[in-house]
Amino acid sequence: MTITFSIEGIQEETGDELPCLSCGETLLGAMHKANGDRNEDCPACFGYGGPETVAEPRFELNVSNVNAGALLRHLGIEFDYCGEVSPQDLLTALAVRSSDELMVEAPHSEGNWHYGGRSAEQVARYVAKLEQIATMAAKYDRRVVWG
């Protein structure tokens, strides 16, 4: 199970709106057409439009439930599987707490559960991405949400 942190109410470009490089059709456009109206002869998309690969969301962070809980608790935010926080509060929490001490954990086992641990590099990526999300959320006057 995972939890995704993102910006409230902002839909990112997922690739659905991007045109096929060969015929120019978009996936959303192709979905609204009857099969007979699609350019099924297109060698790149076969009438389904859009790019072959979907763009990576820039303002989303997807982490395991365990990592999300540890991250939120470290930042002084009560953990729940879904929630929201103001971007200013999140930026303040990120600035106050050192990422060096943030939840770096050695691999270990508890019963049948095996944890791979968290490296300093992994934690640094989480912190940097949360900071980017919170900064953009503040710019658009939106909250940071997760679920």
Protein backbone atom coordinates (compact mmCIF):
# COMPACT_ATOMS: atom_id res chain seq x y z
CA MET A 1 0.00 0.00 0.00
CA THR A 2 1.16 3.52 -0.74
CA ILE A 3 0.29 7.08 0.08
CA THR A 4 0.59 9.93 -2.41
CA PHE A 5 1.34 13.51 -1.37
CA SER A 6 0.13 16.14 -3.84
CA ILE A 7 -1.38 19.60 -4.24
CA GLU A 8 -5.09 20.00 -3.48
CA GLY A 9 -7.26 20.32 -6.56
CA ILE A 10 -4.50 20.52 -9.16
CA GLN A 11 -4.60 17.97 -11.96
CA GLU A 12 -1.19 17.40 -13.42
CA GLU A 13 -0.52 16.63 -17.04
CA THR A 14 -0.63 12.86 -17.17
CA GLY A 15 0.14 12.43 -20.83
CA ASP A 16 -3.53 12.12 -21.85
CA GLU A 17 -3.36 15.61 -23.36
CA LEU A 18 -0.07 15.07 -25.21
CA PRO A 19 -0.42 14.40 -28.96
CA CYS A 20 0.91 11.35 -30.75
CA LEU A 21 4.19 12.33 -32.39
CA SER A 22 3.09 10.69 -35.64
CA CYS A 23 -0.58 11.62 -36.22
CA GLY A 24 -1.17 14.37 -33.63
CA GLU A 25 -4.13 12.60 -31.98
CA THR A 26 -4.44 12.79 -28.18
CA LEU A 27 -5.57 9.92 -25.99
CA LEU A 28 -8.51 11.93 -24.66
CA GLY A 29 -9.50 12.90 -28.19
CA ALA A 30 -9.31 9.31 -29.38
CA MET A 31 -11.40 8.11 -26.43
CA HIS A 32 -14.26 10.39 -27.53
CA LYS A 33 -14.30 9.05 -31.08
CA ALA A 34 -16.04 5.96 -32.36
CA ASN A 35 -13.65 3.21 -33.48
CA GLY A 36 -14.39 3.97 -37.13
CA ASP A 37 -13.26 7.59 -36.72
CA ARG A 38 -9.85 6.73 -35.28
CA ASN A 39 -6.75 6.75 -37.44
CA GLU A 40 -6.03 3.08 -36.87
CA ASP A 41 -3.35 3.16 -39.59
CA CYS A 42 -1.04 5.34 -37.46
CA PRO A 43 2.12 3.26 -36.89
CA ALA A 44 2.86 4.99 -33.58
CA CYS A 45 -0.45 4.88 -31.69
CA PHE A 46 -2.78 2.69 -33.81
CA GLY A 47 -5.53 5.25 -33.39
CA TYR A 48 -5.34 5.54 -29.62
CA GLY A 49 -3.39 8.81 -29.59
CA GLY A 50 -1.09 10.22 -26.99
CA PRO A 51 2.51 9.39 -26.22
CA GLU A 52 3.78 5.87 -25.77
CA THR A 53 4.89 6.67 -22.23
CA VAL A 54 3.01 8.74 -19.68
CA ALA A 55 4.71 11.81 -18.24
CA GLU A 56 6.01 11.58 -14.65
CA PRO A 57 3.96 13.83 -12.32
CA ARG A 58 6.15 16.70 -11.10
CA PHE A 59 4.26 17.56 -7.93
CA GLU A 60 3.45 14.17 -6.45
CA LEU A 61 5.35 11.98 -4.01
CA ASN A 62 4.31 8.35 -3.69
CA VAL A 63 5.74 6.44 -0.71
CA SER A 64 4.84 3.34 1.28
CA ASN A 65 2.43 3.66 4.21
CA VAL A 66 5.29 2.97 6.63
CA ASN A 67 7.48 5.69 5.13
CA ALA A 68 4.60 8.19 4.95
CA GLY A 69 3.77 7.59 8.61
CA ALA A 70 7.39 7.97 9.70
CA LEU A 71 7.81 11.11 7.61
CA LEU A 72 4.66 12.80 8.95
CA ARG A 73 5.37 11.86 12.56
CA HIS A 74 8.92 13.20 12.26
CA LEU A 75 7.52 16.48 10.92
CA GLY A 76 5.18 16.72 13.90
CA ILE A 77 2.04 15.98 11.86
CA GLU A 78 -0.36 13.35 13.16
CA PHE A 79 -0.37 10.39 10.81
CA ASP A 80 -3.55 9.35 9.07
CA TYR A 81 -3.95 7.52 5.77
CA CYS A 82 -5.41 10.68 4.25
CA GLY A 83 -5.12 14.27 5.34
CA GLU A 84 -4.06 17.79 4.53
CA VAL A 85 -1.77 20.49 5.83
CA SER A 86 -1.12 24.10 4.89
CA PRO A 87 1.99 24.50 2.74
CA GLN A 88 3.37 27.09 5.19
CA ASP A 89 3.11 24.64 8.09
CA LEU A 90 4.78 21.92 6.05
CA LEU A 91 7.62 24.22 4.93
CA THR A 92 8.16 25.32 8.54
CA ALA A 93 8.25 21.70 9.74
CA LEU A 94 10.72 20.79 6.99
CA ALA A 95 12.96 23.74 7.89
CA VAL A 96 12.92 23.03 11.64
CA ARG A 97 13.68 19.30 11.48
CA SER A 98 16.94 18.09 10.03
CA SER A 99 16.68 15.62 7.17
CA ASP A 100 19.92 14.05 8.46
CA GLU A 101 18.08 12.75 11.52
CA LEU A 102 14.89 12.03 9.60
CA MET A 103 13.86 8.42 9.84
CA VAL A 104 16.98 6.77 8.38
CA GLU A 105 16.50 3.19 9.43
CA ALA A 106 18.52 0.00 9.07
CA PRO A 107 16.90 -3.09 7.57
CA HIS A 108 15.20 -5.31 10.14
CA SER A 109 12.49 -7.95 10.56
CA GLU A 110 9.46 -8.11 12.83
CA GLY A 111 7.78 -11.49 12.73
CA ASN A 112 6.88 -12.11 9.09
CA TRP A 113 7.42 -8.47 8.10
CA HIS A 114 10.76 -7.53 6.58
CA TYR A 115 11.77 -3.89 6.22
CA GLY A 116 14.44 -2.86 3.76
CA GLY A 117 15.17 0.26 5.76
CA ARG A 118 15.52 3.81 4.46
CA SER A 119 18.75 5.26 3.18
CA ALA A 120 19.85 8.85 3.67
CA GLU A 121 19.52 9.39 -0.10
CA GLN A 122 15.94 8.10 -0.08
CA VAL A 123 15.02 10.39 2.81
CA ALA A 124 16.69 13.36 1.09
CA ARG A 125 14.56 12.70 -2.03
CA TYR A 126 11.39 12.61 0.08
CA VAL A 127 12.25 15.88 1.81
CA ALA A 128 13.21 17.64 -1.44
CA LYS A 129 10.03 16.52 -3.18
CA LEU A 130 7.81 17.52 -0.23
CA GLU A 131 9.49 20.92 -0.20
CA GLN A 132 8.83 21.30 -3.94
CA ILE A 133 5.18 20.28 -3.50
CA ALA A 134 4.66 22.66 -0.56
CA THR A 135 6.32 25.57 -2.39
CA MET A 136 4.09 25.10 -5.44
CA ALA A 137 0.99 24.64 -3.24
CA ALA A 138 1.77 27.95 -1.51
CA LYS A 139 2.15 29.63 -4.91
CA TYR A 140 -1.35 28.47 -5.92
CA ASP A 141 -2.83 29.03 -2.44
CA ARG A 142 -3.69 25.35 -2.11
CA ARG A 143 -3.12 22.81 0.66
CA VAL A 144 -0.82 19.81 0.56
CA VAL A 145 -2.93 16.64 0.65
CA TRP A 146 -2.19 12.95 0.95
CA GLY A 147 -4.14 9.76 0.62
